[in-house]
Amino acid sequence: MVRVIGHNHHLSKLVNKYRNKMIITSALYPPALALAILYPQIIPAVAIGLSLTTVKLVKLYGKFIKYRKGIRGEIEVEKALKALNDSYVLINDVRIPNANGNIDHVVVGPTGVFAIETKNIRGNFVCEGDEWFKVKNGKVRKIRSISRQAKKNALALRKFLRKHGCDQFVHSIVVLTNRNCRVDLINPSVPVVEVKNLAKFIENTKYRLPKRKIHEIVGILVSELN
């Protein structure tokens, strides 16, 4: 089974952050209602305040659900990668200094180095080259490019390794974890795979990385990023 290093704390922190914000925001309702009962003349002001609070609470809830879904997706990816043998190493939640965001998962093994961008999204999509579109009710809407994000992460990791004396190509992969997600692929610039096919995809990649290089790369990532 694949060797696992680290945990995905990034999304867990965000989930806790927005959960706490929702709790604090919700706590405003009881005192506001109590004031309205005691002082009927301020009911209009209280109503406006509670309306604004409700709007804020809805936005916080949206963020909370988004990041909680992200955690579930990353758990699915880690489970899928356990099908790899112990010649592979999985490093979770890799943060490159001076780079935006984090890399959900990095796999290092005999078939290369892989920077994995995990997406737990549902619905119908089209990926054409680098461009992504969502299709809903017959309407097509352009969305943020998941492919560009995956390539950006792979490039940041490659630059980081090169900075530490290891010039190594990094494969980028977009992994979809939601069963209710369908993507029509048209010459995608980055491999887009379902989570159930992830381990096989990595194993079947036609690239060979010597054991010595695997140890070197894992050593750099563990020593420099922890």
C-alpha atoms as a PDB file:
ATOM      1  CA  MET A   1       0.000   0.000   0.000  1.00  0.00           C
ATOM      2  CA  VAL A   2       1.154   3.546  -0.749  1.00  0.00           C
ATOM      3  CA  ARG A   3       3.111   5.272   2.000  1.00  0.00           C
ATOM      4  CA  VAL A   4       1.225   8.337   3.279  1.00  0.00           C
ATOM      5  CA  ILE A   5       2.819  11.482   4.684  1.00  0.00           C
ATOM      6  CA  GLY A   6       0.832  14.341   6.183  1.00  0.00           C
ATOM      7  CA  HIS A   7      -2.843  15.190   6.458  1.00  0.00           C
ATOM      8  CA  ASN A   8      -5.099  17.654   4.674  1.00  0.00           C
ATOM      9  CA  HIS A   9      -5.398  20.273   7.429  1.00  0.00           C
ATOM     10  CA  HIS A  10      -5.971  23.178   5.036  1.00  0.00           C
ATOM     11  CA  LEU A  11      -9.638  22.504   4.296  1.00  0.00           C
ATOM     12  CA  SER A  12     -10.354  21.349   7.862  1.00  0.00           C
ATOM     13  CA  LYS A  13      -9.211  24.746   9.143  1.00  0.00           C
ATOM     14  CA  LEU A  14     -11.457  26.524   6.650  1.00  0.00           C
ATOM     15  CA  VAL A  15     -14.454  24.359   7.605  1.00  0.00           C
ATOM     16  CA  ASN A  16     -13.900  25.143  11.291  1.00  0.00           C
ATOM     17  CA  LYS A  17     -13.409  28.827  10.494  1.00  0.00           C
ATOM     18  CA  TYR A  18     -16.734  29.173   8.710  1.00  0.00           C
ATOM     19  CA  ARG A  19     -18.563  26.960  11.212  1.00  0.00           C
ATOM     20  CA  ASN A  20     -17.407  29.266  14.023  1.00  0.00           C
ATOM     21  CA  LYS A  21     -18.423  32.353  12.036  1.00  0.00           C
ATOM     22  CA  MET A  22     -21.902  30.873  11.516  1.00  0.00           C
ATOM     23  CA  ILE A  23     -22.246  30.172  15.240  1.00  0.00           C
ATOM     24  CA  ILE A  24     -21.204  33.720  16.147  1.00  0.00           C
ATOM     25  CA  THR A  25     -23.498  35.259  13.522  1.00  0.00           C
ATOM     26  CA  SER A  26     -26.471  33.101  14.581  1.00  0.00           C
ATOM     27  CA  ALA A  27     -25.996  34.273  18.162  1.00  0.00           C
ATOM     28  CA  LEU A  28     -27.168  37.739  17.111  1.00  0.00           C
ATOM     29  CA  TYR A  29     -30.773  36.587  16.551  1.00  0.00           C
ATOM     30  CA  PRO A  30     -31.980  35.988  20.164  1.00  0.00           C
ATOM     31  CA  PRO A  31     -30.869  39.370  21.594  1.00  0.00           C
ATOM     32  CA  ALA A  32     -32.198  41.219  18.535  1.00  0.00           C
ATOM     33  CA  LEU A  33     -35.599  39.554  18.873  1.00  0.00           C
ATOM     34  CA  ALA A  34     -35.637  40.238  22.612  1.00  0.00           C
ATOM     35  CA  LEU A  35     -34.959  43.920  21.983  1.00  0.00           C
ATOM     36  CA  ALA A  36     -37.771  44.068  19.434  1.00  0.00           C
ATOM     37  CA  ILE A  37     -40.198  42.622  21.983  1.00  0.00           C
ATOM     38  CA  LEU A  38     -39.087  45.039  24.724  1.00  0.00           C
ATOM     39  CA  TYR A  39     -38.958  48.077  22.450  1.00  0.00           C
ATOM     40  CA  PRO A  40     -41.534  47.776  19.642  1.00  0.00           C
ATOM     41  CA  GLN A  41     -40.501  51.147  18.236  1.00  0.00           C
ATOM     42  CA  ILE A  42     -37.195  49.683  17.040  1.00  0.00           C
ATOM     43  CA  ILE A  43     -38.768  46.764  15.184  1.00  0.00           C
ATOM     44  CA  PRO A  44     -38.050  48.278  11.720  1.00  0.00           C
ATOM     45  CA  ALA A  45     -34.355  48.722  12.571  1.00  0.00           C
ATOM     46  CA  VAL A  46     -34.165  45.208  14.027  1.00  0.00           C
ATOM     47  CA  ALA A  47     -35.825  43.784  10.915  1.00  0.00           C
ATOM     48  CA  ILE A  48     -33.249  45.453   8.659  1.00  0.00           C
ATOM     49  CA  GLY A  49     -30.397  44.252  10.879  1.00  0.00           C
ATOM     50  CA  LEU A  50     -31.672  40.668  10.914  1.00  0.00           C
ATOM     51  CA  SER A  51     -32.157  40.723   7.131  1.00  0.00           C
ATOM     52  CA  LEU A  52     -28.525  41.727   6.642  1.00  0.00           C
ATOM     53  CA  THR A  53     -27.463  39.107   9.181  1.00  0.00           C
ATOM     54  CA  THR A  54     -29.430  36.434   7.296  1.00  0.00           C
ATOM     55  CA  VAL A  55     -27.747  37.360   4.009  1.00  0.00           C
ATOM     56  CA  LYS A  56     -24.352  37.091   5.695  1.00  0.00           C
ATOM     57  CA  LEU A  57     -25.290  33.753   7.266  1.00  0.00           C
ATOM     58  CA  VAL A  58     -26.336  32.328   3.879  1.00  0.00           C
ATOM     59  CA  LYS A  59     -22.969  33.323   2.387  1.00  0.00           C
ATOM     60  CA  LEU A  60     -21.077  31.772   5.305  1.00  0.00           C
ATOM     61  CA  TYR A  61     -23.101  28.565   4.956  1.00  0.00           C
ATOM     62  CA  GLY A  62     -22.235  28.413   1.250  1.00  0.00           C
ATOM     63  CA  LYS A  63     -18.523  28.620   2.066  1.00  0.00           C
ATOM     64  CA  PHE A  64     -18.890  26.021   4.818  1.00  0.00           C
ATOM     65  CA  ILE A  65     -20.591  23.539   2.461  1.00  0.00           C
ATOM     66  CA  LYS A  66     -18.026  24.189  -0.284  1.00  0.00           C
ATOM     67  CA  TYR A  67     -15.036  23.374   1.913  1.00  0.00           C
ATOM     68  CA  ARG A  68     -16.752  20.429   3.598  1.00  0.00           C
ATOM     69  CA  LYS A  69     -17.367  18.944   0.145  1.00  0.00           C
ATOM     70  CA  GLY A  70     -13.692  19.559  -0.605  1.00  0.00           C
ATOM     71  CA  ILE A  71     -12.680  17.506   2.431  1.00  0.00           C
ATOM     72  CA  ARG A  72     -14.882  14.615   1.317  1.00  0.00           C
ATOM     73  CA  GLY A  73     -13.319  14.745  -2.129  1.00  0.00           C
ATOM     74  CA  GLU A  74      -9.794  14.654  -0.751  1.00  0.00           C
ATOM     75  CA  ILE A  75     -10.680  11.704   1.485  1.00  0.00           C
ATOM     76  CA  GLU A  76     -11.942   9.837  -1.601  1.00  0.00           C
ATOM     77  CA  VAL A  77      -8.669  10.542  -3.422  1.00  0.00           C
ATOM     78  CA  GLU A  78      -6.573   9.305  -0.517  1.00  0.00           C
ATOM     79  CA  LYS A  79      -8.630   6.106  -0.352  1.00  0.00           C
ATOM     80  CA  ALA A  80      -8.187   5.555  -4.096  1.00  0.00           C
ATOM     81  CA  LEU A  81      -4.435   6.097  -3.921  1.00  0.00           C
ATOM     82  CA  LYS A  82      -4.067   3.393  -1.268  1.00  0.00           C
ATOM     83  CA  ALA A  83      -4.349   0.932  -4.161  1.00  0.00           C
ATOM     84  CA  LEU A  84      -0.793   1.913  -5.156  1.00  0.00           C
ATOM     85  CA  ASN A  85       1.995  -0.263  -3.785  1.00  0.00           C
ATOM     86  CA  ASP A  86       4.640   0.855  -1.292  1.00  0.00           C
ATOM     87  CA  SER A  87       7.026   2.006  -4.023  1.00  0.00           C
ATOM     88  CA  TYR A  88       4.817   5.122  -4.166  1.00  0.00           C
ATOM     89  CA  VAL A  89       4.655   7.925  -1.599  1.00  0.00           C
ATOM     90  CA  LEU A  90       1.606  10.140  -1.096  1.00  0.00           C
ATOM     91  CA  ILE A  91       2.196  13.563   0.464  1.00  0.00           C
ATOM     92  CA  ASN A  92      -0.985  15.424   1.420  1.00  0.00           C
ATOM     93  CA  ASP A  93      -1.593  19.175   1.575  1.00  0.00           C
ATOM     94  CA  VAL A  94       1.685  20.396   0.083  1.00  0.00           C
ATOM     95  CA  ARG A  95       2.265  24.131   0.525  1.00  0.00           C
ATOM     96  CA  ILE A  96       4.915  25.727  -1.656  1.00  0.00           C
ATOM     97  CA  PRO A  97       6.502  28.863  -0.109  1.00  0.00           C
ATOM     98  CA  ASN A  98       5.482  32.112  -1.854  1.00  0.00           C
ATOM     99  CA  ALA A  99       2.827  30.298  -3.917  1.00  0.00           C
ATOM    100  CA  ASN A 100      -0.932  30.808  -3.691  1.00  0.00           C
ATOM    101  CA  GLY A 101      -2.938  28.013  -2.122  1.00  0.00           C
ATOM    102  CA  ASN A 102      -1.826  24.443  -1.663  1.00  0.00           C
ATOM    103  CA  ILE A 103      -1.472  21.260  -3.697  1.00  0.00           C
ATOM    104  CA  ASP A 104      -4.102  18.774  -2.536  1.00  0.00           C
ATOM    105  CA  HIS A 105      -1.929  15.682  -3.068  1.00  0.00           C
ATOM    106  CA  VAL A 106       1.522  14.919  -4.433  1.00  0.00           C
ATOM    107  CA  VAL A 107       2.400  11.369  -5.446  1.00  0.00           C
ATOM    108  CA  VAL A 108       6.022  10.346  -5.998  1.00  0.00           C
ATOM    109  CA  GLY A 109       6.821   6.919  -7.396  1.00  0.00           C
ATOM    110  CA  PRO A 110       8.343   4.803 -10.173  1.00  0.00           C
ATOM    111  CA  THR A 111       6.138   6.452 -12.815  1.00  0.00           C
ATOM    112  CA  GLY A 112       6.986  10.028 -11.832  1.00  0.00           C
ATOM    113  CA  VAL A 113       5.852  12.956  -9.716  1.00  0.00           C
ATOM    114  CA  PHE A 114       2.163  13.927  -9.812  1.00  0.00           C
ATOM    115  CA  ALA A 115       0.517  17.117  -8.553  1.00  0.00           C
ATOM    116  CA  ILE A 116      -3.168  16.315  -8.047  1.00  0.00           C
ATOM    117  CA  GLU A 117      -5.952  18.891  -8.141  1.00  0.00           C
ATOM    118  CA  THR A 118      -9.066  17.391  -6.516  1.00  0.00           C
ATOM    119  CA  LYS A 119     -12.569  18.608  -7.386  1.00  0.00           C
ATOM    120  CA  ASN A 120     -15.775  17.403  -5.733  1.00  0.00           C
ATOM    121  CA  ILE A 121     -18.179  19.065  -8.165  1.00  0.00           C
ATOM    122  CA  ARG A 122     -21.510  17.924  -9.566  1.00  0.00           C
ATOM    123  CA  GLY A 123     -23.284  18.716 -12.815  1.00  0.00           C
ATOM    124  CA  ASN A 124     -22.413  18.731 -16.501  1.00  0.00           C
ATOM    125  CA  PHE A 125     -19.207  20.364 -17.713  1.00  0.00           C
ATOM    126  CA  VAL A 126     -17.158  20.787 -20.845  1.00  0.00           C
ATOM    127  CA  CYS A 127     -13.369  20.995 -20.783  1.00  0.00           C
ATOM    128  CA  GLU A 128     -11.878  22.256 -24.035  1.00  0.00           C
ATOM    129  CA  GLY A 129      -8.125  22.697 -23.858  1.00  0.00           C
ATOM    130  CA  ASP A 130      -7.618  24.894 -20.811  1.00  0.00           C
ATOM    131  CA  GLU A 131     -11.162  26.264 -20.746  1.00  0.00           C
ATOM    132  CA  TRP A 132     -13.964  24.942 -18.532  1.00  0.00           C
ATOM    133  CA  PHE A 133     -17.694  25.495 -18.950  1.00  0.00           C
ATOM    134  CA  LYS A 134     -20.722  24.479 -16.903  1.00  0.00           C
ATOM    135  CA  VAL A 135     -23.819  23.352 -18.770  1.00  0.00           C
ATOM    136  CA  LYS A 136     -27.147  23.791 -16.978  1.00  0.00           C
ATOM    137  CA  ASN A 137     -30.666  23.936 -18.401  1.00  0.00           C
ATOM    138  CA  GLY A 138     -29.290  24.260 -21.897  1.00  0.00           C
ATOM    139  CA  LYS A 139     -27.152  27.268 -20.962  1.00  0.00           C
ATOM    140  CA  VAL A 140     -23.343  27.284 -21.056  1.00  0.00           C
ATOM    141  CA  ARG A 141     -21.381  29.366 -18.552  1.00  0.00           C
ATOM    142  CA  LYS A 142     -17.609  29.732 -18.463  1.00  0.00           C
ATOM    143  CA  ILE A 143     -16.051  28.920 -15.089  1.00  0.00           C
ATOM    144  CA  ARG A 144     -12.612  29.191 -13.558  1.00  0.00           C
ATOM    145  CA  SER A 145     -10.185  26.870 -15.314  1.00  0.00           C
ATOM    146  CA  ILE A 146      -9.426  23.813 -13.196  1.00  0.00           C
ATOM    147  CA  SER A 147      -6.792  22.761 -15.736  1.00  0.00           C
ATOM    148  CA  ARG A 148      -4.826  26.002 -15.368  1.00  0.00           C
ATOM    149  CA  GLN A 149      -4.876  25.609 -11.592  1.00  0.00           C
ATOM    150  CA  ALA A 150      -3.533  22.059 -11.897  1.00  0.00           C
ATOM    151  CA  LYS A 151      -0.756  23.161 -14.259  1.00  0.00           C
ATOM    152  CA  LYS A 152       0.090  26.115 -12.038  1.00  0.00           C
ATOM    153  CA  ASN A 153       0.512  23.784  -9.050  1.00  0.00           C
ATOM    154  CA  ALA A 154       2.695  21.375 -11.022  1.00  0.00           C
ATOM    155  CA  LEU A 155       4.899  24.230 -12.240  1.00  0.00           C
ATOM    156  CA  ALA A 156       5.248  25.665  -8.724  1.00  0.00           C
ATOM    157  CA  LEU A 157       6.310  22.249  -7.435  1.00  0.00           C
ATOM    158  CA  ARG A 158       8.810  21.798 -10.262  1.00  0.00           C
ATOM    159  CA  LYS A 159      10.345  25.224  -9.581  1.00  0.00           C
ATOM    160  CA  PHE A 160      10.548  24.389  -5.878  1.00  0.00           C
ATOM    161  CA  LEU A 161      12.359  21.105  -6.548  1.00  0.00           C
ATOM    162  CA  ARG A 162      14.716  22.798  -9.018  1.00  0.00           C
ATOM    163  CA  LYS A 163      15.519  25.447  -6.416  1.00  0.00           C
ATOM    164  CA  HIS A 164      16.662  22.612  -4.152  1.00  0.00           C
ATOM    165  CA  GLY A 165      18.879  21.019  -6.783  1.00  0.00           C
ATOM    166  CA  CYS A 166      16.427  18.554  -8.325  1.00  0.00           C
ATOM    167  CA  ASP A 167      15.263  19.305 -11.863  1.00  0.00           C
ATOM    168  CA  GLN A 168      12.276  16.998 -12.175  1.00  0.00           C
ATOM    169  CA  PHE A 169       9.223  17.138 -14.434  1.00  0.00           C
ATOM    170  CA  VAL A 170       5.911  17.140 -12.529  1.00  0.00           C
ATOM    171  CA  HIS A 171       2.743  15.666 -14.043  1.00  0.00           C
ATOM    172  CA  SER A 172      -0.501  17.532 -13.359  1.00  0.00           C
ATOM    173  CA  ILE A 173      -3.820  15.706 -12.944  1.00  0.00           C
ATOM    174  CA  VAL A 174      -7.384  16.856 -12.332  1.00  0.00           C
ATOM    175  CA  VAL A 175      -9.335  14.272 -10.337  1.00  0.00           C
ATOM    176  CA  LEU A 176     -13.133  14.305 -10.157  1.00  0.00           C
ATOM    177  CA  THR A 177     -14.652  12.636  -7.092  1.00  0.00           C
ATOM    178  CA  ASN A 178     -18.392  13.289  -7.406  1.00  0.00           C
ATOM    179  CA  ARG A 179     -20.431  10.519  -9.031  1.00  0.00           C
ATOM    180  CA  ASN A 180     -22.898  13.118 -10.290  1.00  0.00           C
ATOM    181  CA  CYS A 181     -20.271  14.900 -12.370  1.00  0.00           C
ATOM    182  CA  ARG A 182     -19.961  14.489 -16.120  1.00  0.00           C
ATOM    183  CA  VAL A 183     -17.269  16.206 -18.183  1.00  0.00           C
ATOM    184  CA  ASP A 184     -17.054  16.206 -21.963  1.00  0.00           C
ATOM    185  CA  LEU A 185     -13.364  16.404 -22.833  1.00  0.00           C
ATOM    186  CA  ILE A 186     -12.162  18.150 -25.993  1.00  0.00           C
ATOM    187  CA  ASN A 187      -8.353  18.035 -26.314  1.00  0.00           C
ATOM    188  CA  PRO A 188      -7.792  18.662 -22.582  1.00  0.00           C
ATOM    189  CA  SER A 189      -4.447  20.235 -21.695  1.00  0.00           C
ATOM    190  CA  VAL A 190      -4.337  18.221 -18.457  1.00  0.00           C
ATOM    191  CA  PRO A 191      -5.495  14.637 -17.818  1.00  0.00           C
ATOM    192  CA  VAL A 192      -8.955  14.635 -16.236  1.00  0.00           C
ATOM    193  CA  VAL A 193      -9.748  11.339 -14.516  1.00  0.00           C
ATOM    194  CA  GLU A 194     -12.419   9.908 -12.249  1.00  0.00           C
ATOM    195  CA  VAL A 195     -11.239   9.005  -8.769  1.00  0.00           C
ATOM    196  CA  LYS A 196     -11.896   5.294  -9.344  1.00  0.00           C
ATOM    197  CA  ASN A 197      -9.381   5.317 -12.224  1.00  0.00           C
ATOM    198  CA  LEU A 198      -6.713   7.418 -10.511  1.00  0.00           C
ATOM    199  CA  ALA A 199      -4.386   4.681  -9.211  1.00  0.00           C
ATOM    200  CA  LYS A 200      -4.386   2.855 -12.570  1.00  0.00           C
ATOM    201  CA  PHE A 201      -3.721   6.085 -14.421  1.00  0.00           C
ATOM    202  CA  ILE A 202      -0.649   6.775 -12.289  1.00  0.00           C
ATOM    203  CA  GLU A 203       0.610   3.193 -12.567  1.00  0.00           C
ATOM    204  CA  ASN A 204       0.189   3.184 -16.359  1.00  0.00           C
ATOM    205  CA  THR A 205       1.948   6.501 -16.981  1.00  0.00           C
ATOM    206  CA  LYS A 206       4.842   5.842 -19.350  1.00  0.00           C
ATOM    207  CA  TYR A 207       7.600   7.470 -17.362  1.00  0.00           C
ATOM    208  CA  ARG A 208      10.291   5.952 -15.205  1.00  0.00           C
ATOM    209  CA  LEU A 209      11.764   7.504 -12.082  1.00  0.00           C
ATOM    210  CA  PRO A 210      14.756   5.761 -10.424  1.00  0.00           C
ATOM    211  CA  LYS A 211      14.428   4.750  -6.792  1.00  0.00           C
ATOM    212  CA  ARG A 212      17.285   7.079  -5.909  1.00  0.00           C
ATOM    213  CA  LYS A 213      15.392  10.041  -7.396  1.00  0.00           C
ATOM    214  CA  ILE A 214      12.211   9.072  -5.552  1.00  0.00           C
ATOM    215  CA  HIS A 215      14.060   9.159  -2.223  1.00  0.00           C
ATOM    216  CA  GLU A 216      15.667  12.483  -3.142  1.00  0.00           C
ATOM    217  CA  ILE A 217      12.355  14.154  -4.033  1.00  0.00           C
ATOM    218  CA  VAL A 218      10.502  12.833  -0.996  1.00  0.00           C
ATOM    219  CA  GLY A 219      13.406  13.935   1.197  1.00  0.00           C
ATOM    220  CA  ILE A 220      13.260  17.467  -0.191  1.00  0.00           C
ATOM    221  CA  LEU A 221       9.493  17.752   0.246  1.00  0.00           C
ATOM    222  CA  VAL A 222       9.460  16.340   3.764  1.00  0.00           C
ATOM    223  CA  SER A 223      12.456  18.312   5.063  1.00  0.00           C
ATOM    224  CA  GLU A 224      11.683  21.634   3.397  1.00  0.00           C
ATOM    225  CA  LEU A 225       7.894  21.786   3.710  1.00  0.00           C
ATOM    226  CA  ASN A 226       7.391  20.501   7.258  1.00  0.00           C
END
